Amino acid sequence: MQHITTFCGNCNCGCPELYLDAAATEEKRVVITDDFGQRIQMSVEQLRVLVGDVKSGVLDELVAA
């Protein structure tokens, strides 16, 4: 798997990470791991939709202070 980014990166506590798995089927190519040892897999298209939603503000209210 190719590491893309770590979402925290400010500690060594097992922060969520994003990977691309070229060996996986297309619908499971994107892998996101969490700090509890779990993982989700999705397609690049699903990630594209998620990123688009984040950019358009869909989640802004959820993360507002």
N, C-alpha and C. Protein backbone atom coordinates (compact mmCIF):
# COMPACT_ATOMS: atom_id res chain seq x y z
N MET A 1 0.84 -1.19 0.00
CA MET A 1 0.00 0.00 0.00
C MET A 1 0.88 1.24 0.00
N GLN A 2 0.42 2.25 -0.68
CA GLN A 2 1.14 3.51 -0.77
C GLN A 2 0.54 4.50 0.22
N HIS A 3 1.35 4.97 1.17
CA HIS A 3 0.89 5.95 2.15
C HIS A 3 0.70 7.29 1.45
N ILE A 4 -0.47 7.92 1.68
CA ILE A 4 -0.77 9.21 1.08
C ILE A 4 -0.63 10.32 2.11
N THR A 5 -1.28 10.18 3.26
CA THR A 5 -1.20 11.21 4.29
C THR A 5 -1.59 10.66 5.64
N THR A 6 -1.15 11.36 6.68
CA THR A 6 -1.56 11.12 8.06
C THR A 6 -2.38 12.32 8.48
N PHE A 7 -3.56 12.09 9.05
CA PHE A 7 -4.48 13.17 9.35
C PHE A 7 -4.18 13.93 10.63
N CYS A 8 -3.34 13.44 11.47
CA CYS A 8 -2.95 14.15 12.69
C CYS A 8 -1.48 14.51 12.55
N GLY A 9 -0.65 13.52 12.73
CA GLY A 9 0.77 13.71 12.52
C GLY A 9 1.52 14.44 13.61
N ASN A 10 0.82 14.87 14.66
CA ASN A 10 1.47 15.63 15.72
C ASN A 10 1.85 14.78 16.92
N CYS A 11 1.69 13.48 16.79
CA CYS A 11 2.00 12.60 17.91
C CYS A 11 2.32 11.21 17.36
N ASN A 12 2.60 10.30 18.25
CA ASN A 12 2.81 8.90 17.87
C ASN A 12 1.71 8.04 18.46
N CYS A 13 0.46 8.50 18.33
CA CYS A 13 -0.66 7.82 18.98
C CYS A 13 -1.47 6.98 18.01
N GLY A 14 -1.01 6.77 16.82
CA GLY A 14 -1.75 5.97 15.86
C GLY A 14 -2.82 6.76 15.13
N CYS A 15 -2.48 7.90 14.63
CA CYS A 15 -3.42 8.79 13.96
C CYS A 15 -4.01 8.16 12.70
N PRO A 16 -5.19 8.60 12.28
CA PRO A 16 -5.78 8.10 11.03
C PRO A 16 -4.87 8.37 9.84
N GLU A 17 -4.84 7.40 8.91
CA GLU A 17 -3.98 7.52 7.74
C GLU A 17 -4.75 7.12 6.49
N LEU A 18 -4.33 7.67 5.36
CA LEU A 18 -4.92 7.38 4.07
C LEU A 18 -3.89 6.68 3.20
N TYR A 19 -4.30 5.57 2.58
CA TYR A 19 -3.43 4.78 1.71
C TYR A 19 -4.14 4.51 0.39
N LEU A 20 -3.37 4.24 -0.65
CA LEU A 20 -3.89 3.69 -1.89
C LEU A 20 -3.32 2.29 -2.04
N ASP A 21 -4.18 1.35 -2.33
CA ASP A 21 -3.78 -0.04 -2.48
C ASP A 21 -3.99 -0.45 -3.94
N ALA A 22 -2.93 -0.38 -4.71
CA ALA A 22 -3.00 -0.69 -6.14
C ALA A 22 -3.37 -2.14 -6.41
N ALA A 23 -3.13 -3.02 -5.45
CA ALA A 23 -3.43 -4.44 -5.63
C ALA A 23 -4.89 -4.78 -5.31
N ALA A 24 -5.62 -3.86 -4.70
CA ALA A 24 -7.01 -4.11 -4.33
C ALA A 24 -7.92 -3.93 -5.54
N THR A 25 -9.13 -4.47 -5.43
CA THR A 25 -10.11 -4.24 -6.48
C THR A 25 -10.45 -2.75 -6.50
N GLU A 26 -10.97 -2.29 -7.63
CA GLU A 26 -11.24 -0.86 -7.81
C GLU A 26 -12.14 -0.29 -6.72
N GLU A 27 -13.12 -1.04 -6.28
CA GLU A 27 -14.04 -0.52 -5.27
C GLU A 27 -13.46 -0.52 -3.85
N LYS A 28 -12.26 -1.05 -3.68
CA LYS A 28 -11.62 -1.09 -2.35
C LYS A 28 -10.21 -0.49 -2.39
N ARG A 29 -9.92 0.32 -3.38
CA ARG A 29 -8.56 0.82 -3.60
C ARG A 29 -8.10 1.83 -2.55
N VAL A 30 -9.01 2.64 -2.02
CA VAL A 30 -8.66 3.65 -1.02
C VAL A 30 -8.86 3.03 0.36
N VAL A 31 -7.85 3.15 1.21
CA VAL A 31 -7.91 2.57 2.56
C VAL A 31 -7.66 3.69 3.57
N ILE A 32 -8.57 3.82 4.52
CA ILE A 32 -8.39 4.77 5.62
C ILE A 32 -8.33 3.96 6.90
N THR A 33 -7.25 4.12 7.64
CA THR A 33 -7.10 3.44 8.92
C THR A 33 -7.36 4.45 10.04
N ASP A 34 -7.83 3.95 11.19
CA ASP A 34 -8.02 4.85 12.32
C ASP A 34 -7.07 4.48 13.45
N ASP A 35 -7.14 5.24 14.53
CA ASP A 35 -6.22 5.04 15.64
C ASP A 35 -6.66 3.91 16.57
N PHE A 36 -7.69 3.16 16.19
CA PHE A 36 -8.15 2.02 16.97
C PHE A 36 -7.87 0.70 16.25
N GLY A 37 -7.14 0.77 15.13
CA GLY A 37 -6.80 -0.44 14.39
C GLY A 37 -7.84 -0.87 13.37
N GLN A 38 -8.87 -0.07 13.18
CA GLN A 38 -9.90 -0.39 12.20
C GLN A 38 -9.56 0.26 10.86
N ARG A 39 -10.25 -0.17 9.82
CA ARG A 39 -10.01 0.43 8.50
C ARG A 39 -11.29 0.37 7.67
N ILE A 40 -11.39 1.32 6.77
CA ILE A 40 -12.46 1.31 5.79
C ILE A 40 -11.82 1.31 4.41
N GLN A 41 -12.52 0.75 3.46
CA GLN A 41 -12.04 0.72 2.09
C GLN A 41 -13.14 1.29 1.20
N MET A 42 -12.74 2.06 0.21
CA MET A 42 -13.68 2.67 -0.72
C MET A 42 -13.02 2.84 -2.06
N SER A 43 -13.82 3.17 -3.04
CA SER A 43 -13.27 3.42 -4.38
C SER A 43 -12.73 4.85 -4.45
N VAL A 44 -11.92 5.11 -5.46
CA VAL A 44 -11.42 6.46 -5.69
C VAL A 44 -12.59 7.40 -5.96
N GLU A 45 -13.62 6.92 -6.66
CA GLU A 45 -14.79 7.75 -6.94
C GLU A 45 -15.52 8.12 -5.64
N GLN A 46 -15.64 7.19 -4.71
CA GLN A 46 -16.27 7.51 -3.43
C GLN A 46 -15.44 8.54 -2.67
N LEU A 47 -14.12 8.42 -2.71
CA LEU A 47 -13.25 9.41 -2.08
C LEU A 47 -13.43 10.76 -2.75
N ARG A 48 -13.55 10.78 -4.07
CA ARG A 48 -13.76 12.02 -4.81
C ARG A 48 -15.04 12.73 -4.34
N VAL A 49 -16.11 11.97 -4.14
CA VAL A 49 -17.37 12.54 -3.65
C VAL A 49 -17.19 13.08 -2.23
N LEU A 50 -16.52 12.33 -1.37
CA LEU A 50 -16.27 12.77 0.00
C LEU A 50 -15.48 14.07 0.03
N VAL A 51 -14.41 14.14 -0.76
CA VAL A 51 -13.60 15.36 -0.83
C VAL A 51 -14.43 16.53 -1.35
N GLY A 52 -15.25 16.28 -2.35
CA GLY A 52 -16.12 17.33 -2.89
C GLY A 52 -17.09 17.85 -1.83
N ASP A 53 -17.67 16.94 -1.06
CA ASP A 53 -18.58 17.34 0.01
C ASP A 53 -17.86 18.18 1.06
N VAL A 54 -16.66 17.77 1.43
CA VAL A 54 -15.88 18.53 2.41
C VAL A 54 -15.58 19.92 1.88
N LYS A 55 -15.14 20.00 0.64
CA LYS A 55 -14.82 21.31 0.04
C LYS A 55 -16.04 22.21 -0.06
N SER A 56 -17.21 21.64 -0.28
CA SER A 56 -18.42 22.46 -0.43
C SER A 56 -19.05 22.84 0.91
N GLY A 57 -18.50 22.33 2.01
CA GLY A 57 -18.98 22.74 3.32
C GLY A 57 -20.01 21.82 3.95
N VAL A 58 -20.25 20.66 3.37
CA VAL A 58 -21.26 19.75 3.91
C VAL A 58 -20.99 19.39 5.36
N LEU A 59 -19.74 19.26 5.75
CA LEU A 59 -19.40 18.85 7.11
C LEU A 59 -19.05 20.00 8.04
N ASP A 60 -19.11 21.23 7.56
CA ASP A 60 -18.70 22.38 8.37
C ASP A 60 -19.45 22.46 9.70
N GLU A 61 -20.74 22.25 9.67
CA GLU A 61 -21.54 22.34 10.90
C GLU A 61 -21.14 21.26 11.89
N LEU A 62 -20.78 20.10 11.39
CA LEU A 62 -20.40 18.99 12.26
C LEU A 62 -19.14 19.31 13.05
N VAL A 63 -18.18 19.97 12.44
CA VAL A 63 -16.90 20.24 13.10
C VAL A 63 -16.81 21.65 13.68
N ALA A 64 -17.89 22.42 13.61
CA ALA A 64 -17.89 23.77 14.18
C ALA A 64 -17.74 23.68 15.71
N ALA A 65 -17.05 24.64 16.24
CA ALA A 65 -16.79 24.65 17.70
C ALA A 65 -18.05 24.84 18.51
